[in-house]
N, C-alpha and C. Protein backbone atom coordinates (compact mmCIF):
# COMPACT_ATOMS: atom_id res chain seq x y z
N UNK A 1 -17.64 -28.43 1.38
CA UNK A 1 -18.81 -27.11 1.32
C UNK A 1 -18.35 -26.91 -0.32
N UNK A 2 -19.74 -26.46 -1.00
CA UNK A 2 -19.87 -26.12 -2.30
C UNK A 2 -19.48 -24.38 -2.40
N UNK A 3 -19.71 -24.01 -3.85
CA UNK A 3 -19.42 -22.60 -4.04
C UNK A 3 -19.95 -22.08 -3.44
N UNK A 4 -21.63 -22.53 -3.54
CA UNK A 4 -23.35 -21.80 -3.21
C UNK A 4 -22.77 -21.55 -2.15
N UNK A 5 -22.79 -22.79 -0.83
CA UNK A 5 -22.35 -22.39 0.59
C UNK A 5 -21.30 -21.13 0.91
N UNK A 6 -19.81 -21.15 -0.27
CA UNK A 6 -18.80 -20.54 -0.11
C UNK A 6 -19.70 -19.09 -0.05
N UNK A 7 -20.27 -18.94 -1.16
CA UNK A 7 -20.93 -17.39 -1.54
C UNK A 7 -22.20 -17.25 -0.58
N UNK A 8 -22.32 -17.66 0.41
CA UNK A 8 -23.84 -16.78 1.22
C UNK A 8 -23.22 -16.49 2.49
N UNK A 9 -21.82 -17.05 2.78
CA UNK A 9 -21.48 -16.03 3.72
C UNK A 9 -21.33 -15.35 4.24
N UNK A 10 -21.43 -14.03 5.75
CA UNK A 10 -21.18 -13.31 6.07
C UNK A 10 -20.02 -12.93 7.25
N UNK A 11 -20.11 -11.15 6.55
CA UNK A 11 -18.69 -11.25 7.38
C UNK A 11 -18.93 -10.43 8.49
N UNK A 12 -19.48 -10.40 9.94
CA UNK A 12 -19.49 -9.47 10.54
C UNK A 12 -18.68 -8.23 10.66
N UNK A 13 -18.96 -7.11 10.47
CA UNK A 13 -17.63 -6.11 10.55
C UNK A 13 -17.77 -4.33 11.69
N UNK A 14 -17.86 -5.27 12.16
CA UNK A 14 -18.27 -4.28 13.15
C UNK A 14 -20.34 -4.35 14.21
N UNK A 15 -19.61 -4.77 15.24
CA UNK A 15 -21.38 -4.89 16.84
C UNK A 15 -20.64 -3.79 17.70
N UNK A 16 -21.79 -2.77 17.52
CA UNK A 16 -22.07 -1.79 18.79
C UNK A 16 -23.02 -2.66 19.62
N UNK A 17 -22.53 -1.90 20.84
CA UNK A 17 -23.69 -2.45 21.89
C UNK A 17 -24.84 -1.80 22.14
N UNK A 18 -24.48 -0.93 22.56
CA UNK A 18 -25.96 0.03 22.08
C UNK A 18 -25.92 1.25 21.51
N UNK A 19 -26.77 1.64 20.75
CA UNK A 19 -27.56 2.41 19.85
C UNK A 19 -28.01 3.23 20.50
N UNK A 20 -28.94 4.56 19.62
CA UNK A 20 -30.16 5.21 19.98
C UNK A 20 -30.75 5.23 18.48
N UNK A 21 -31.60 4.62 18.31
CA UNK A 21 -32.54 5.37 17.07
C UNK A 21 -34.02 6.84 17.44
N UNK A 22 -34.10 7.53 16.36
CA UNK A 22 -34.91 8.35 17.00
C UNK A 22 -35.98 8.66 15.29
N UNK A 23 -37.39 9.12 16.01
CA UNK A 23 -38.04 9.32 14.73
C UNK A 23 -37.34 10.62 14.60
N UNK A 24 -37.46 11.17 13.31
CA UNK A 24 -36.48 12.45 12.28
C UNK A 24 -37.84 12.80 11.76
N UNK A 25 -38.01 14.17 11.96
CA UNK A 25 -39.03 15.09 11.17
C UNK A 25 -38.36 14.87 9.64
N UNK A 26 -39.58 15.23 9.03
CA UNK A 26 -39.01 15.06 6.84
C UNK A 26 -37.85 16.24 6.64
N UNK A 27 -37.04 16.68 5.93
CA UNK A 27 -36.17 17.11 5.66
C UNK A 27 -36.67 18.25 5.05
N UNK A 28 -36.38 19.65 5.75
CA UNK A 28 -37.08 20.32 4.99
C UNK A 28 -36.27 20.90 4.23
N UNK A 29 -34.86 20.98 4.20
CA UNK A 29 -34.54 21.89 2.77
C UNK A 29 -32.98 20.35 2.41
N UNK A 30 -32.57 21.32 1.01
CA UNK A 30 -31.63 20.07 0.76
C UNK A 30 -30.66 20.33 1.49
N UNK A 31 -30.39 20.87 2.08
CA UNK A 31 -28.44 20.91 3.70
C UNK A 31 -28.44 20.00 3.58
N UNK A 32 -29.46 19.10 4.30
CA UNK A 32 -28.63 18.37 5.49
C UNK A 32 -30.00 17.89 6.66
N UNK A 33 -29.84 16.56 7.06
CA UNK A 33 -30.22 16.92 8.49
C UNK A 33 -29.61 17.27 9.58
N UNK A 34 -30.04 17.86 10.84
CA UNK A 34 -29.60 18.35 11.93
C UNK A 34 -30.27 17.30 13.32
N UNK A 35 -29.07 16.57 13.87
CA UNK A 35 -29.45 16.18 15.08
C UNK A 35 -29.70 16.79 15.71
N UNK A 36 -29.73 18.12 16.00
CA UNK A 36 -30.43 18.88 16.70
C UNK A 36 -31.33 18.67 16.61
N UNK A 37 -32.35 19.05 16.03
CA UNK A 37 -33.60 19.25 15.51
C UNK A 37 -34.33 17.76 15.90
N UNK A 38 -33.57 17.65 16.76
CA UNK A 38 -34.23 15.62 16.76
C UNK A 38 -34.07 16.11 18.58
N UNK A 39 -35.43 15.62 19.09
CA UNK A 39 -35.87 15.74 20.28
C UNK A 39 -35.10 14.97 21.28
N UNK A 40 -35.01 14.96 22.67
CA UNK A 40 -34.56 13.41 23.38
C UNK A 40 -35.69 12.45 23.25
N UNK A 41 -36.94 13.48 23.41
CA UNK A 41 -38.22 12.64 23.27
C UNK A 41 -38.56 11.61 22.20
N UNK A 42 -37.83 11.95 20.91
CA UNK A 42 -38.44 11.17 19.44
C UNK A 42 -37.56 10.30 20.05
N UNK A 43 -36.83 10.00 20.88
CA UNK A 43 -36.04 8.15 20.95
C UNK A 43 -36.86 7.65 20.75
N UNK A 44 -36.66 6.82 19.27
CA UNK A 44 -37.65 5.41 19.24
C UNK A 44 -37.21 3.79 20.21
N UNK A 45 -35.84 4.23 19.89
CA UNK A 45 -35.84 2.16 20.51
C UNK A 45 -33.89 2.07 20.82
N UNK A 46 -33.94 1.29 20.97
CA UNK A 46 -32.32 1.19 21.87
C UNK A 46 -31.71 -0.14 21.25
N UNK A 47 -30.65 -0.09 21.05
CA UNK A 47 -30.68 -1.49 21.22
C UNK A 47 -28.85 -1.49 20.39
N UNK A 48 -28.26 -3.19 19.87
CA UNK A 48 -27.09 -3.04 19.22
C UNK A 48 -27.34 -2.98 17.19
N UNK A 49 -25.94 -2.69 17.65
CA UNK A 49 -26.30 -2.38 15.92
C UNK A 49 -24.76 -3.41 15.38
N UNK A 50 -24.97 -3.61 13.98
CA UNK A 50 -23.96 -4.51 13.88
C UNK A 50 -24.37 -4.54 11.78
N UNK A 51 -22.83 -4.33 11.31
CA UNK A 51 -22.58 -4.20 10.29
C UNK A 51 -22.38 -5.56 9.69
N UNK A 52 -22.79 -6.02 8.75
CA UNK A 52 -22.89 -7.91 7.60
C UNK A 52 -22.52 -7.13 6.72
N UNK A 53 -21.70 -7.90 5.81
CA UNK A 53 -21.39 -7.51 5.15
C UNK A 53 -22.06 -8.74 3.83
N UNK A 54 -22.40 -8.71 3.19
CA UNK A 54 -23.00 -10.16 2.97
C UNK A 54 -21.94 -9.72 1.03
N UNK A 55 -22.05 -10.35 0.35
CA UNK A 55 -21.75 -10.81 -1.31
C UNK A 55 -21.99 -9.76 -1.97
N UNK A 56 -22.81 -9.24 -2.30
CA UNK A 56 -23.35 -7.87 -3.13
C UNK A 56 -23.87 -6.74 -2.33
N UNK A 57 -23.91 -6.62 -0.91
CA UNK A 57 -24.26 -4.97 -0.35
C UNK A 57 -23.73 -5.71 1.12
N UNK A 58 -24.10 -4.43 1.61
CA UNK A 58 -23.41 -4.59 3.68
C UNK A 58 -24.44 -3.41 3.81
N UNK A 59 -25.31 -4.86 5.10
CA UNK A 59 -26.51 -4.34 5.81
C UNK A 59 -25.60 -4.03 6.90
N UNK A 60 -26.73 -3.10 7.27
CA UNK A 60 -26.84 -2.52 9.10
C UNK A 60 -27.79 -2.93 9.78
N UNK A 61 -27.92 -3.60 10.94
CA UNK A 61 -29.14 -4.25 11.47
C UNK A 61 -28.70 -4.05 12.69
N UNK A 62 -30.05 -2.92 12.88
CA UNK A 62 -30.05 -3.00 14.75
C UNK A 62 -31.31 -4.02 15.02
N UNK A 63 -30.22 -4.53 16.16
CA UNK A 63 -30.84 -5.84 16.73
C UNK A 63 -31.37 -5.69 18.47
N UNK A 64 -31.97 -6.69 18.67
CA UNK A 64 -31.83 -6.52 20.48
C UNK A 64 -31.06 -7.42 20.81
N UNK A 65 -30.31 -6.61 21.81
CA UNK A 65 -29.32 -8.04 22.52
C UNK A 65 -29.60 -8.81 23.19
N UNK A 66 -30.52 -8.88 23.14
CA UNK A 66 -30.98 -10.03 24.22
C UNK A 66 -31.51 -11.02 23.38
N UNK A 67 -32.50 -11.14 22.78
CA UNK A 67 -32.92 -12.14 21.85
C UNK A 67 -32.27 -11.80 19.99
N UNK A 68 -31.09 -10.81 19.89
CA UNK A 68 -31.11 -11.13 18.26
C UNK A 68 -32.44 -10.58 17.55
N UNK A 69 -33.74 -10.06 18.04
CA UNK A 69 -34.64 -10.14 17.29
C UNK A 69 -34.35 -8.07 16.21
N UNK A 70 -34.76 -8.42 14.91
CA UNK A 70 -34.17 -7.63 14.11
C UNK A 70 -35.23 -6.32 14.53
N UNK A 71 -34.75 -4.90 14.59
CA UNK A 71 -35.70 -3.98 14.65
C UNK A 71 -35.73 -3.46 12.91
N UNK A 72 -34.65 -2.65 12.51
CA UNK A 72 -34.49 -2.62 11.58
C UNK A 72 -33.59 -2.54 10.66
N UNK A 73 -32.86 -2.90 9.19
CA UNK A 73 -32.03 -3.12 8.74
C UNK A 73 -31.97 -2.02 7.16
N UNK A 74 -30.53 -1.41 7.35
CA UNK A 74 -30.68 -0.45 6.12
C UNK A 74 -29.68 -1.17 5.29
N UNK A 75 -29.79 -1.19 4.02
CA UNK A 75 -29.29 -2.00 3.05
C UNK A 75 -28.31 -0.98 2.62
N UNK A 76 -26.75 -1.20 2.18
CA UNK A 76 -25.93 0.01 1.25
C UNK A 76 -25.43 -1.07 0.57
N UNK A 77 -25.16 -0.59 -1.13
CA UNK A 77 -25.14 -1.00 -2.26
C UNK A 77 -23.85 -0.72 -2.35
N UNK A 78 -23.53 -1.39 -3.39
CA UNK A 78 -21.98 -0.55 -3.86
C UNK A 78 -22.44 0.49 -4.58
N UNK A 79 -21.34 1.46 -4.43
CA UNK A 79 -21.99 3.06 -4.81
C UNK A 79 -23.05 3.52 -4.17
N UNK A 80 -23.39 2.91 -3.32
CA UNK A 80 -24.79 4.30 -3.18
C UNK A 80 -25.21 3.92 -1.74
N UNK A 81 -24.26 4.24 -1.01
CA UNK A 81 -23.49 4.53 0.56
C UNK A 81 -24.24 6.13 0.71
N UNK A 82 -24.06 7.23 -0.30
CA UNK A 82 -24.78 8.40 0.45
C UNK A 82 -26.43 8.13 0.18
N UNK A 83 -27.06 7.36 -0.70
CA UNK A 83 -28.46 6.96 -0.11
C UNK A 83 -28.87 6.63 0.71
N UNK A 84 -27.90 6.09 1.39
CA UNK A 84 -28.64 4.90 2.16
C UNK A 84 -27.95 5.22 3.41
N UNK A 85 -27.00 5.85 3.84
CA UNK A 85 -26.35 6.21 5.21
C UNK A 85 -25.89 7.92 4.53
N UNK A 86 -26.70 8.93 5.35
CA UNK A 86 -25.77 10.52 5.48
C UNK A 86 -25.72 10.20 7.07
N UNK A 87 -24.37 11.29 7.36
CA UNK A 87 -23.76 12.40 8.02
C UNK A 87 -24.75 13.64 8.54
N UNK A 88 -24.75 13.51 10.02
CA UNK A 88 -25.80 15.45 10.13
C UNK A 88 -24.60 16.03 10.36
N UNK A 89 -25.63 16.90 10.05
CA UNK A 89 -25.00 18.18 9.62
C UNK A 89 -24.22 19.28 10.36
N UNK A 90 -24.66 18.39 11.83
CA UNK A 90 -24.02 18.90 13.45
C UNK A 90 -23.72 18.08 14.30
N UNK A 91 -23.21 16.89 14.00
CA UNK A 91 -22.37 16.42 14.92
C UNK A 91 -22.14 14.98 14.11
N UNK A 92 -20.86 14.67 14.35
CA UNK A 92 -20.28 13.24 13.81
C UNK A 92 -20.55 11.97 14.50
N UNK A 93 -21.54 11.93 15.52
CA UNK A 93 -22.34 10.91 16.01
C UNK A 93 -23.24 10.42 15.11
N UNK A 94 -23.60 11.23 15.33
CA UNK A 94 -24.98 11.07 14.57
C UNK A 94 -25.56 11.24 12.56
N UNK A 95 -26.73 9.55 12.18
CA UNK A 95 -26.57 9.55 11.04
C UNK A 95 -28.14 9.78 10.74
N UNK A 96 -28.34 9.39 9.27
CA UNK A 96 -29.74 9.25 8.91
C UNK A 96 -29.73 7.87 8.21
N UNK A 97 -30.10 6.81 8.33
CA UNK A 97 -30.50 5.30 7.72
C UNK A 97 -31.44 5.38 7.28
N UNK A 98 -31.52 4.95 5.78
CA UNK A 98 -33.02 4.56 4.88
C UNK A 98 -33.49 3.11 5.32
N UNK A 99 -34.42 2.84 5.88
CA UNK A 99 -34.42 1.13 6.29
C UNK A 99 -35.25 1.05 5.18
N UNK A 100 -35.29 -0.61 4.68
CA UNK A 100 -36.88 -0.92 4.30
C UNK A 100 -37.46 -1.92 4.53
N UNK A 101 -38.37 -2.67 4.03
CA UNK A 101 -39.42 -3.37 4.80
C UNK A 101 -38.88 -4.73 3.65
N UNK A 102 -38.49 -4.42 2.53
CA UNK A 102 -37.96 -5.27 1.86
C UNK A 102 -39.09 -5.87 0.57
N UNK A 103 -40.77 -4.39 0.78
CA UNK A 103 -40.97 -4.78 -0.20
C UNK A 103 -41.41 -3.11 -1.00
N UNK A 104 -40.52 -2.58 -1.00
CA UNK A 104 -40.44 -1.22 -1.18
C UNK A 104 -40.50 -0.43 -0.65
N UNK A 105 -41.01 -0.68 0.51
CA UNK A 105 -41.29 0.53 1.33
C UNK A 105 -40.13 1.01 2.22
N UNK A 106 -39.89 2.33 2.18
CA UNK A 106 -38.59 2.74 2.76
C UNK A 106 -38.93 4.05 3.94
N UNK A 107 -38.33 4.08 4.86
CA UNK A 107 -38.00 5.17 6.16
C UNK A 107 -37.59 5.79 5.97
N UNK A 108 -37.08 7.23 7.30
CA UNK A 108 -35.67 7.80 7.29
C UNK A 108 -35.57 7.74 8.65
N UNK A 109 -34.68 7.37 9.82
CA UNK A 109 -34.51 7.31 10.89
C UNK A 109 -33.34 7.71 11.71
N UNK A 110 -32.62 8.20 12.72
CA UNK A 110 -32.49 8.95 13.05
C UNK A 110 -30.87 7.78 13.88
N UNK A 111 -29.83 7.54 13.25
CA UNK A 111 -29.20 6.71 14.07
C UNK A 111 -27.80 7.20 15.17
N UNK A 112 -28.04 7.25 15.83
CA UNK A 112 -27.32 8.43 17.05
C UNK A 112 -26.06 6.89 18.07
N UNK A 113 -24.96 7.21 18.15
CA UNK A 113 -23.93 6.23 19.23
C UNK A 113 -23.46 6.80 19.99
N UNK A 114 -23.47 6.38 21.19
CA UNK A 114 -23.08 7.18 22.40
C UNK A 114 -22.07 8.11 22.44
N UNK A 115 -20.26 7.21 22.05
CA UNK A 115 -19.20 7.63 22.05
C UNK A 115 -18.79 7.91 20.54
N UNK A 116 -18.16 8.79 20.42
CA UNK A 116 -17.69 9.14 18.74
C UNK A 116 -16.55 8.53 18.53
N UNK A 117 -15.93 8.08 19.17
CA UNK A 117 -14.79 6.84 19.03
C UNK A 117 -16.45 5.57 18.25
N UNK A 118 -17.04 4.93 18.22
CA UNK A 118 -18.06 4.52 17.78
C UNK A 118 -18.62 4.47 16.29
N UNK A 119 -18.70 6.24 16.82
CA UNK A 119 -19.40 6.50 15.08
C UNK A 119 -17.72 5.79 14.12
N UNK A 120 -16.81 6.70 14.05
CA UNK A 120 -15.58 6.53 13.62
C UNK A 120 -15.10 5.26 13.32
N UNK A 121 -15.70 4.30 13.80
CA UNK A 121 -15.60 2.65 13.79
C UNK A 121 -16.69 2.03 12.46
N UNK A 122 -17.63 2.95 12.79
CA UNK A 122 -18.83 2.23 12.02
C UNK A 122 -18.49 3.08 10.95
N UNK A 123 -17.65 4.47 10.17
CA UNK A 123 -17.64 4.99 8.93
C UNK A 123 -16.69 4.01 8.29
N UNK A 124 -15.35 3.52 8.97
CA UNK A 124 -14.37 2.73 8.41
C UNK A 124 -15.14 1.36 8.10
N UNK A 125 -16.37 1.29 8.93
CA UNK A 125 -16.20 -0.38 8.85
C UNK A 125 -17.21 0.18 7.24
N UNK A 126 -17.76 1.49 7.03
CA UNK A 126 -19.03 1.42 6.00
C UNK A 126 -17.80 1.17 4.60
N UNK A 127 -16.35 2.32 5.25
CA UNK A 127 -15.18 2.72 4.24
C UNK A 127 -14.62 1.50 3.53
N UNK A 128 -14.18 0.89 4.99
CA UNK A 128 -13.49 -0.62 4.22
C UNK A 128 -14.53 -1.71 3.48
N UNK A 129 -15.82 -1.89 3.73
CA UNK A 129 -16.78 -2.33 2.51
C UNK A 129 -16.52 -2.11 1.49
N UNK A 130 -17.06 -0.61 1.33
CA UNK A 130 -16.37 -0.48 0.10
C UNK A 130 -15.54 -0.37 -0.69
N UNK A 131 -14.46 -0.93 0.18
CA UNK A 131 -12.61 -0.61 -0.69
C UNK A 131 -12.64 -2.43 -1.38
N UNK A 132 -12.81 -2.86 -0.40
CA UNK A 132 -13.70 -4.69 -0.29
C UNK A 132 -13.88 -4.80 -2.21
N UNK A 133 -15.02 -4.15 -2.35
CA UNK A 133 -15.83 -4.34 -3.10
C UNK A 133 -15.75 -3.44 -4.55
N UNK A 134 -14.43 -2.94 -4.09
CA UNK A 134 -13.88 -2.13 -5.06
C UNK A 134 -13.01 -3.45 -5.69
N UNK A 135 -12.10 -3.41 -5.26
CA UNK A 135 -10.49 -4.34 -5.03
C UNK A 135 -11.49 -5.96 -6.19
N UNK A 136 -12.33 -6.18 -5.58
CA UNK A 136 -12.99 -7.47 -6.19
C UNK A 136 -13.31 -7.13 -7.87
N UNK A 137 -14.85 -6.16 -7.58
CA UNK A 137 -14.42 -6.24 -8.51
C UNK A 137 -13.54 -5.64 -9.80
N UNK A 138 -12.77 -4.58 -9.38
CA UNK A 138 -11.02 -4.86 -10.56
C UNK A 138 -10.46 -6.38 -10.47
N UNK A 139 -10.62 -7.11 -9.29
CA UNK A 139 -9.90 -8.53 -9.92
C UNK A 139 -10.75 -9.11 -10.89
N UNK A 140 -12.11 -9.45 -10.92
CA UNK A 140 -13.12 -9.82 -11.76
C UNK A 140 -13.01 -9.62 -13.46
N UNK A 141 -12.64 -7.86 -13.44
CA UNK A 141 -12.25 -7.57 -14.64
C UNK A 141 -11.35 -7.61 -14.61
N UNK A 142 -10.27 -8.44 -14.62
CA UNK A 142 -9.12 -8.63 -14.90
C UNK A 142 -7.70 -7.21 -15.40
N UNK A 143 -8.70 -5.84 -14.73
CA UNK A 143 -7.33 -4.87 -14.26
C UNK A 143 -6.88 -5.64 -13.13
N UNK A 144 -5.17 -4.75 -13.65
CA UNK A 144 -4.45 -4.68 -12.55
C UNK A 144 -4.34 -3.96 -11.46
N UNK A 145 -3.61 -4.40 -10.50
CA UNK A 145 -3.75 -3.50 -9.01
C UNK A 145 -2.66 -2.43 -9.34
N UNK A 146 -2.27 -1.80 -8.54
CA UNK A 146 -1.31 -0.99 -8.53
C UNK A 146 0.02 -1.08 -8.29
N UNK A 147 0.16 -2.32 -7.16
CA UNK A 147 0.75 -3.18 -6.86
C UNK A 147 2.00 -4.17 -7.89
N UNK A 148 0.86 -4.63 -8.91
CA UNK A 148 1.39 -5.50 -10.09
C UNK A 148 1.73 -4.85 -10.97
N UNK A 149 1.85 -3.07 -10.98
CA UNK A 149 2.35 -2.17 -11.91
C UNK A 149 3.58 -1.77 -11.89
N UNK A 150 4.77 -2.46 -11.07
CA UNK A 150 5.89 -1.81 -10.17
C UNK A 150 6.65 -1.52 -11.39
N UNK A 151 7.17 -0.56 -11.67
CA UNK A 151 8.50 -0.47 -12.65
C UNK A 151 9.66 -0.61 -12.80
N UNK A 152 9.49 -1.62 -13.42
CA UNK A 152 11.64 -1.59 -12.51
C UNK A 152 12.63 -1.10 -13.43
N UNK A 153 13.44 -0.13 -13.31
CA UNK A 153 14.78 0.48 -14.19
C UNK A 153 15.64 -0.46 -13.92
N UNK A 154 16.49 -0.14 -14.96
CA UNK A 154 17.78 -0.68 -13.75
C UNK A 154 18.64 0.24 -13.65
N UNK A 155 19.17 -0.89 -12.55
CA UNK A 155 20.02 0.14 -10.98
C UNK A 155 21.01 0.84 -11.47
N UNK A 156 21.15 2.28 -11.20
CA UNK A 156 21.80 3.05 -11.31
C UNK A 156 23.05 3.63 -10.35
N UNK A 157 23.97 4.24 -10.69
CA UNK A 157 25.37 3.95 -9.90
C UNK A 157 25.27 5.38 -9.02
N UNK A 158 24.87 5.67 -7.88
CA UNK A 158 25.16 7.14 -7.74
C UNK A 158 25.94 7.36 -6.55
N UNK A 159 27.37 6.36 -6.62
CA UNK A 159 28.64 6.50 -5.98
C UNK A 159 29.06 7.70 -6.50
N UNK A 160 29.63 8.31 -5.52
CA UNK A 160 30.56 10.27 -5.73
C UNK A 160 31.95 9.28 -6.68
N UNK A 161 31.84 10.35 -8.18
CA UNK A 161 33.65 9.77 -8.42
C UNK A 161 34.92 10.10 -8.32
């Protein structure tokens, strides 16, 4: 196996069997999105979500569970999570994703999880990816990590006299 093949590996960080996608209205204020404004009739798709780590980015893929056909993808580049994935103000189970078509066009869609723990796992997967990228960048730049900066002091005698 060559080095180039090793670099092209993808790591699946999370799979959620059932998520819902909503058409959302444009943001009216700078305060953020509220999922309470999305009507259940605005639901446009449901299927599987996969969070996949690639070398230079993390991808949130919305796929058909039976055929694995891609419905939409959200690309999360290192340090730009806030611009790609935004939590809603009124629920911990809903997010707004910035999806792209690969030709420069993008749209915002609502993403809803059925269970709160699935949304929590989604947040953890994105955080783990960011931490991994940060560690890799520190390794490449030669910065020492906290573990290698242990300060060793001479032993101190704490016995009573």
